PDB file of N, CA and C in Angstrom:
ATOM      1  N   UNK A   1       1.375 171.244 185.365  1.00  0.00           N
ATOM      2  CA  UNK A   1       0.476 171.638 186.258  1.00  0.00           C
ATOM      3  C   UNK A   1       0.731 173.230 186.520  1.00  0.00           C
ATOM      4  N   UNK A   2       1.895 173.640 186.679  1.00  0.00           N
ATOM      5  CA  UNK A   2       2.299 175.056 186.916  1.00  0.00           C
ATOM      6  C   UNK A   2       1.898 175.790 185.634  1.00  0.00           C
ATOM      7  N   UNK A   3       2.137 175.155 184.419  1.00  0.00           N
ATOM      8  CA  UNK A   3       1.848 175.876 183.224  1.00  0.00           C
ATOM      9  C   UNK A   3       0.404 176.235 183.065  1.00  0.00           C
ATOM     10  N   UNK A   4      -0.457 175.186 183.447  1.00  0.00           N
ATOM     11  CA  UNK A   4      -1.879 175.407 183.273  1.00  0.00           C
ATOM     12  C   UNK A   4      -2.244 176.572 184.360  1.00  0.00           C
ATOM     13  N   UNK A   5      -1.693 176.629 185.429  1.00  0.00           N
ATOM     14  CA  UNK A   5      -2.034 177.657 186.510  1.00  0.00           C
ATOM     15  C   UNK A   5      -1.582 178.953 186.042  1.00  0.00           C
ATOM     16  N   UNK A   6      -0.483 178.991 185.312  1.00  0.00           N
ATOM     17  CA  UNK A   6      -0.025 180.307 184.739  1.00  0.00           C
ATOM     18  C   UNK A   6      -0.966 180.840 183.609  1.00  0.00           C
ATOM     19  N   UNK A   7      -1.323 179.854 182.710  1.00  0.00           N
ATOM     20  CA  UNK A   7      -2.320 180.268 181.711  1.00  0.00           C
ATOM     21  C   UNK A   7      -3.614 180.656 182.284  1.00  0.00           C
ATOM     22  N   UNK A   8      -4.138 179.965 183.270  1.00  0.00           N
ATOM     23  CA  UNK A   8      -5.381 180.276 183.827  1.00  0.00           C
ATOM     24  C   UNK A   8      -5.362 181.613 184.478  1.00  0.00           C
ATOM     25  N   UNK A   9      -4.219 181.944 185.091  1.00  0.00           N
ATOM     26  CA  UNK A   9      -4.019 183.242 185.824  1.00  0.00           C
ATOM     27  C   UNK A   9      -3.904 184.315 184.813  1.00  0.00           C
ATOM     28  N   UNK A  10      -3.308 184.213 183.694  1.00  0.00           N
ATOM     29  CA  UNK A  10      -3.245 185.163 182.732  1.00  0.00           C
ATOM     30  C   UNK A  10      -4.630 185.523 181.956  1.00  0.00           C
ATOM     31  N   UNK A  11      -5.431 184.394 181.831  1.00  0.00           N
ATOM     32  CA  UNK A  11      -6.700 184.594 181.201  1.00  0.00           C
ATOM     33  C   UNK A  11      -7.650 185.336 182.288  1.00  0.00           C
ATOM     34  N   UNK A  12      -7.649 184.923 183.530  1.00  0.00           N
ATOM     35  CA  UNK A  12      -8.389 185.601 184.464  1.00  0.00           C
ATOM     36  C   UNK A  12      -8.006 187.047 184.624  1.00  0.00           C
ATOM     37  N   UNK A  13      -6.709 187.269 184.610  1.00  0.00           N
ATOM     38  CA  UNK A  13      -6.277 188.644 184.773  1.00  0.00           C
ATOM     39  C   UNK A  13      -6.717 189.519 183.688  1.00  0.00           C
ATOM     40  N   UNK A  14      -6.684 188.992 182.405  1.00  0.00           N
ATOM     41  CA  UNK A  14      -7.173 189.742 181.221  1.00  0.00           C
ATOM     42  C   UNK A  14      -8.749 190.023 181.385  1.00  0.00           C
ATOM     43  N   UNK A  15      -9.483 188.948 181.785  1.00  0.00           N
ATOM     44  CA  UNK A  15     -10.893 189.041 181.981  1.00  0.00           C
ATOM     45  C   UNK A  15     -11.119 190.225 182.989  1.00  0.00           C
ATOM     46  N   UNK A  16     -10.499 190.227 184.065  1.00  0.00           N
ATOM     47  CA  UNK A  16     -10.717 191.193 185.178  1.00  0.00           C
ATOM     48  C   UNK A  16     -10.370 192.613 184.757  1.00  0.00           C
ATOM     49  N   UNK A  17      -9.355 192.741 184.024  1.00  0.00           N
ATOM     50  CA  UNK A  17      -8.882 194.016 183.461  1.00  0.00           C
ATOM     51  C   UNK A  17      -9.926 194.547 182.496  1.00  0.00           C
ATOM     52  N   UNK A  18     -10.527 193.628 181.681  1.00  0.00           N
ATOM     53  CA  UNK A  18     -11.527 194.087 180.752  1.00  0.00           C
ATOM     54  C   UNK A  18     -12.854 194.517 181.407  1.00  0.00           C
ATOM     55  N   UNK A  19     -13.149 193.786 182.489  1.00  0.00           N
ATOM     56  CA  UNK A  19     -14.368 194.172 183.274  1.00  0.00           C
ATOM     57  C   UNK A  19     -14.165 195.347 183.906  1.00  0.00           C
ATOM     58  N   UNK A  20     -12.962 195.719 184.584  1.00  0.00           N
ATOM     59  CA  UNK A  20     -12.757 196.910 185.219  1.00  0.00           C
ATOM     60  C   UNK A  20     -12.804 198.134 184.325  1.00  0.00           C
ATOM     61  N   UNK A  21     -12.240 197.925 183.044  1.00  0.00           N
ATOM     62  CA  UNK A  21     -12.248 198.961 181.997  1.00  0.00           C
ATOM     63  C   UNK A  21     -13.723 199.329 181.648  1.00  0.00           C
ATOM     64  N   UNK A  22     -14.528 198.311 181.501  1.00  0.00           N
ATOM     65  CA  UNK A  22     -15.981 198.618 181.112  1.00  0.00           C
ATOM     66  C   UNK A  22     -16.616 199.194 182.256  1.00  0.00           C
ATOM     67  N   UNK A  23     -16.313 198.777 183.508  1.00  0.00           N
ATOM     68  CA  UNK A  23     -16.959 199.478 184.691  1.00  0.00           C
ATOM     69  C   UNK A  23     -16.572 200.901 184.824  1.00  0.00           C
ATOM     70  N   UNK A  24     -15.380 201.297 184.591  1.00  0.00           N
ATOM     71  CA  UNK A  24     -14.884 202.696 184.646  1.00  0.00           C
ATOM     72  C   UNK A  24     -15.619 203.449 183.557  1.00  0.00           C
ATOM     73  N   UNK A  25     -15.697 202.824 182.311  1.00  0.00           N
ATOM     74  CA  UNK A  25     -16.309 203.514 181.078  1.00  0.00           C
ATOM     75  C   UNK A  25     -17.850 203.764 181.379  1.00  0.00           C
ATOM     76  N   UNK A  26     -18.576 202.814 182.014  1.00  0.00           N
ATOM     77  CA  UNK A  26     -19.900 202.857 182.241  1.00  0.00           C
ATOM     78  C   UNK A  26     -20.189 203.983 183.305  1.00  0.00           C
ATOM     79  N   UNK A  27     -19.402 203.999 184.338  1.00  0.00           N
ATOM     80  CA  UNK A  27     -19.636 204.949 185.365  1.00  0.00           C
ATOM     81  C   UNK A  27     -19.185 206.373 184.929  1.00  0.00           C
ATOM     82  N   UNK A  28     -18.249 206.377 184.157  1.00  0.00           N
ATOM     83  CA  UNK A  28     -17.765 207.766 183.465  1.00  0.00           C
ATOM     84  C   UNK A  28     -18.840 208.254 182.513  1.00  0.00           C
ATOM     85  N   UNK A  29     -19.437 207.408 181.775  1.00  0.00           N
ATOM     86  CA  UNK A  29     -20.504 207.810 180.943  1.00  0.00           C
ATOM     87  C   UNK A  29     -21.768 208.360 181.683  1.00  0.00           C
ATOM     88  N   UNK A  30     -22.004 207.610 182.721  1.00  0.00           N
ATOM     89  CA  UNK A  30     -23.176 207.915 183.651  1.00  0.00           C
ATOM     90  C   UNK A  30     -22.971 209.395 184.106  1.00  0.00           C
ATOM     91  N   UNK A  31     -21.794 209.650 184.641  1.00  0.00           N
ATOM     92  CA  UNK A  31     -21.437 211.076 185.144  1.00  0.00           C
ATOM     93  C   UNK A  31     -21.583 212.068 184.096  1.00  0.00           C
ATOM     94  N   UNK A  32     -20.906 211.788 182.990  1.00  0.00           N
ATOM     95  CA  UNK A  32     -20.898 212.743 181.981  1.00  0.00           C
ATOM     96  C   UNK A  32     -22.307 212.988 181.456  1.00  0.00           C
ATOM     97  N   UNK A  33     -23.027 212.030 181.200  1.00  0.00           N
ATOM     98  CA  UNK A  33     -24.473 212.200 180.626  1.00  0.00           C
ATOM     99  C   UNK A  33     -25.387 212.923 181.682  1.00  0.00           C
ATOM    100  N   UNK A  34     -25.148 212.614 182.969  1.00  0.00           N
ATOM    101  CA  UNK A  34     -25.961 213.190 183.929  1.00  0.00           C
ATOM    102  C   UNK A  34     -25.675 214.658 184.198  1.00  0.00           C
ATOM    103  N   UNK A  35     -24.410 215.013 184.272  1.00  0.00           N
ATOM    104  CA  UNK A  35     -24.040 216.455 184.630  1.00  0.00           C
ATOM    105  C   UNK A  35     -23.604 217.277 183.489  1.00  0.00           C
ATOM    106  N   UNK A  36     -23.271 216.723 182.350  1.00  0.00           N
ATOM    107  CA  UNK A  36     -22.884 217.575 181.239  1.00  0.00           C
ATOM    108  C   UNK A  36     -24.199 217.694 180.282  1.00  0.00           C
ATOM    109  N   UNK A  37     -24.830 216.633 179.980  1.00  0.00           N
ATOM    110  CA  UNK A  37     -25.866 216.580 179.010  1.00  0.00           C
ATOM    111  C   UNK A  37     -27.240 216.759 179.726  1.00  0.00           C
ATOM    112  N   UNK A  38     -27.276 216.612 181.063  1.00  0.00           N
ATOM    113  CA  UNK A  38     -28.553 216.724 181.870  1.00  0.00           C
ATOM    114  C   UNK A  38     -29.594 215.636 181.399  1.00  0.00           C
ATOM    115  N   UNK A  39     -29.046 214.576 180.925  1.00  0.00           N
ATOM    116  CA  UNK A  39     -30.013 213.490 180.465  1.00  0.00           C
ATOM    117  C   UNK A  39     -29.309 212.137 180.834  1.00  0.00           C
ATOM    118  N   UNK A  40     -29.494 211.633 181.987  1.00  0.00           N
ATOM    119  CA  UNK A  40     -28.810 210.415 182.388  1.00  0.00           C
ATOM    120  C   UNK A  40     -29.244 209.259 181.523  1.00  0.00           C
ATOM    121  N   UNK A  41     -28.275 208.288 181.277  1.00  0.00           N
ATOM    122  CA  UNK A  41     -28.620 207.116 180.627  1.00  0.00           C
ATOM    123  C   UNK A  41     -29.231 206.085 181.647  1.00  0.00           C
ATOM    124  N   UNK A  42     -30.239 205.350 181.192  1.00  0.00           N
ATOM    125  CA  UNK A  42     -30.988 204.502 182.053  1.00  0.00           C
ATOM    126  C   UNK A  42     -30.283 203.150 182.356  1.00  0.00           C
ATOM    127  N   UNK A  43     -29.414 202.807 181.425  1.00  0.00           N
ATOM    128  CA  UNK A  43     -28.789 201.456 181.461  1.00  0.00           C
ATOM    129  C   UNK A  43     -27.399 201.492 182.238  1.00  0.00           C
ATOM    130  N   UNK A  44     -26.863 202.592 182.419  1.00  0.00           N
ATOM    131  CA  UNK A  44     -25.452 202.621 182.927  1.00  0.00           C
ATOM    132  C   UNK A  44     -25.354 202.120 184.364  1.00  0.00           C
ATOM    133  N   UNK A  45     -26.350 202.571 185.152  1.00  0.00           N
ATOM    134  CA  UNK A  45     -26.391 202.196 186.495  1.00  0.00           C
ATOM    135  C   UNK A  45     -26.424 200.670 186.749  1.00  0.00           C
ATOM    136  N   UNK A  46     -27.289 200.103 185.967  1.00  0.00           N
ATOM    137  CA  UNK A  46     -27.461 198.657 185.982  1.00  0.00           C
ATOM    138  C   UNK A  46     -26.291 197.848 185.600  1.00  0.00           C
ATOM    139  N   UNK A  47     -25.687 198.379 184.400  1.00  0.00           N
ATOM    140  CA  UNK A  47     -24.498 197.694 183.934  1.00  0.00           C
ATOM    141  C   UNK A  47     -23.309 197.820 184.892  1.00  0.00           C
ATOM    142  N   UNK A  48     -23.142 199.007 185.585  1.00  0.00           N
ATOM    143  CA  UNK A  48     -22.153 199.256 186.546  1.00  0.00           C
ATOM    144  C   UNK A  48     -22.367 198.294 187.663  1.00  0.00           C
ATOM    145  N   UNK A  49     -23.563 198.218 188.214  1.00  0.00           N
ATOM    146  CA  UNK A  49     -23.843 197.200 189.299  1.00  0.00           C
ATOM    147  C   UNK A  49     -23.457 195.846 189.017  1.00  0.00           C
ATOM    148  N   UNK A  50     -23.891 195.391 187.792  1.00  0.00           N
ATOM    149  CA  UNK A  50     -23.543 193.972 187.427  1.00  0.00           C
ATOM    150  C   UNK A  50     -22.057 193.761 187.251  1.00  0.00           C
ATOM    151  N   UNK A  51     -21.371 194.706 186.731  1.00  0.00           N
ATOM    152  CA  UNK A  51     -19.934 194.568 186.569  1.00  0.00           C
ATOM    153  C   UNK A  51     -19.190 194.521 187.933  1.00  0.00           C
ATOM    154  N   UNK A  52     -19.727 195.397 188.879  1.00  0.00           N
ATOM    155  CA  UNK A  52     -19.046 195.432 190.104  1.00  0.00           C
ATOM    156  C   UNK A  52     -19.265 194.053 190.845  1.00  0.00           C
ATOM    157  N   UNK A  53     -20.419 193.407 190.664  1.00  0.00           N
ATOM    158  CA  UNK A  53     -20.699 192.024 191.186  1.00  0.00           C
ATOM    159  C   UNK A  53     -19.844 191.019 190.580  1.00  0.00           C
ATOM    160  N   UNK A  54     -19.602 191.196 189.170  1.00  0.00           N
ATOM    161  CA  UNK A  54     -18.797 190.108 188.611  1.00  0.00           C
ATOM    162  C   UNK A  54     -17.331 190.238 188.972  1.00  0.00           C
ATOM    163  N   UNK A  55     -16.819 191.555 189.092  1.00  0.00           N
ATOM    164  CA  UNK A  55     -15.378 191.777 189.500  1.00  0.00           C
ATOM    165  C   UNK A  55     -15.220 191.238 190.947  1.00  0.00           C
ATOM    166  N   UNK A  56     -16.293 191.390 191.748  1.00  0.00           N
ATOM    167  CA  UNK A  56     -16.190 190.994 193.128  1.00  0.00           C
ATOM    168  C   UNK A  56     -15.698 191.810 194.096  1.00  0.00           C
TER     169      UNK A  56
END
């Protein structure tokens, strides 16, 4: 039972780390494209919002 809990904890930890990295990348790209290129991407705000909801 404890082994299953450890494996599940490791999997969930990996998933959350991946989602957080994607969230930081999307928000960073949104800031860079808005202020450096003066052409904001239309998809980054929605992706960041969904990732924030999934991370909780």
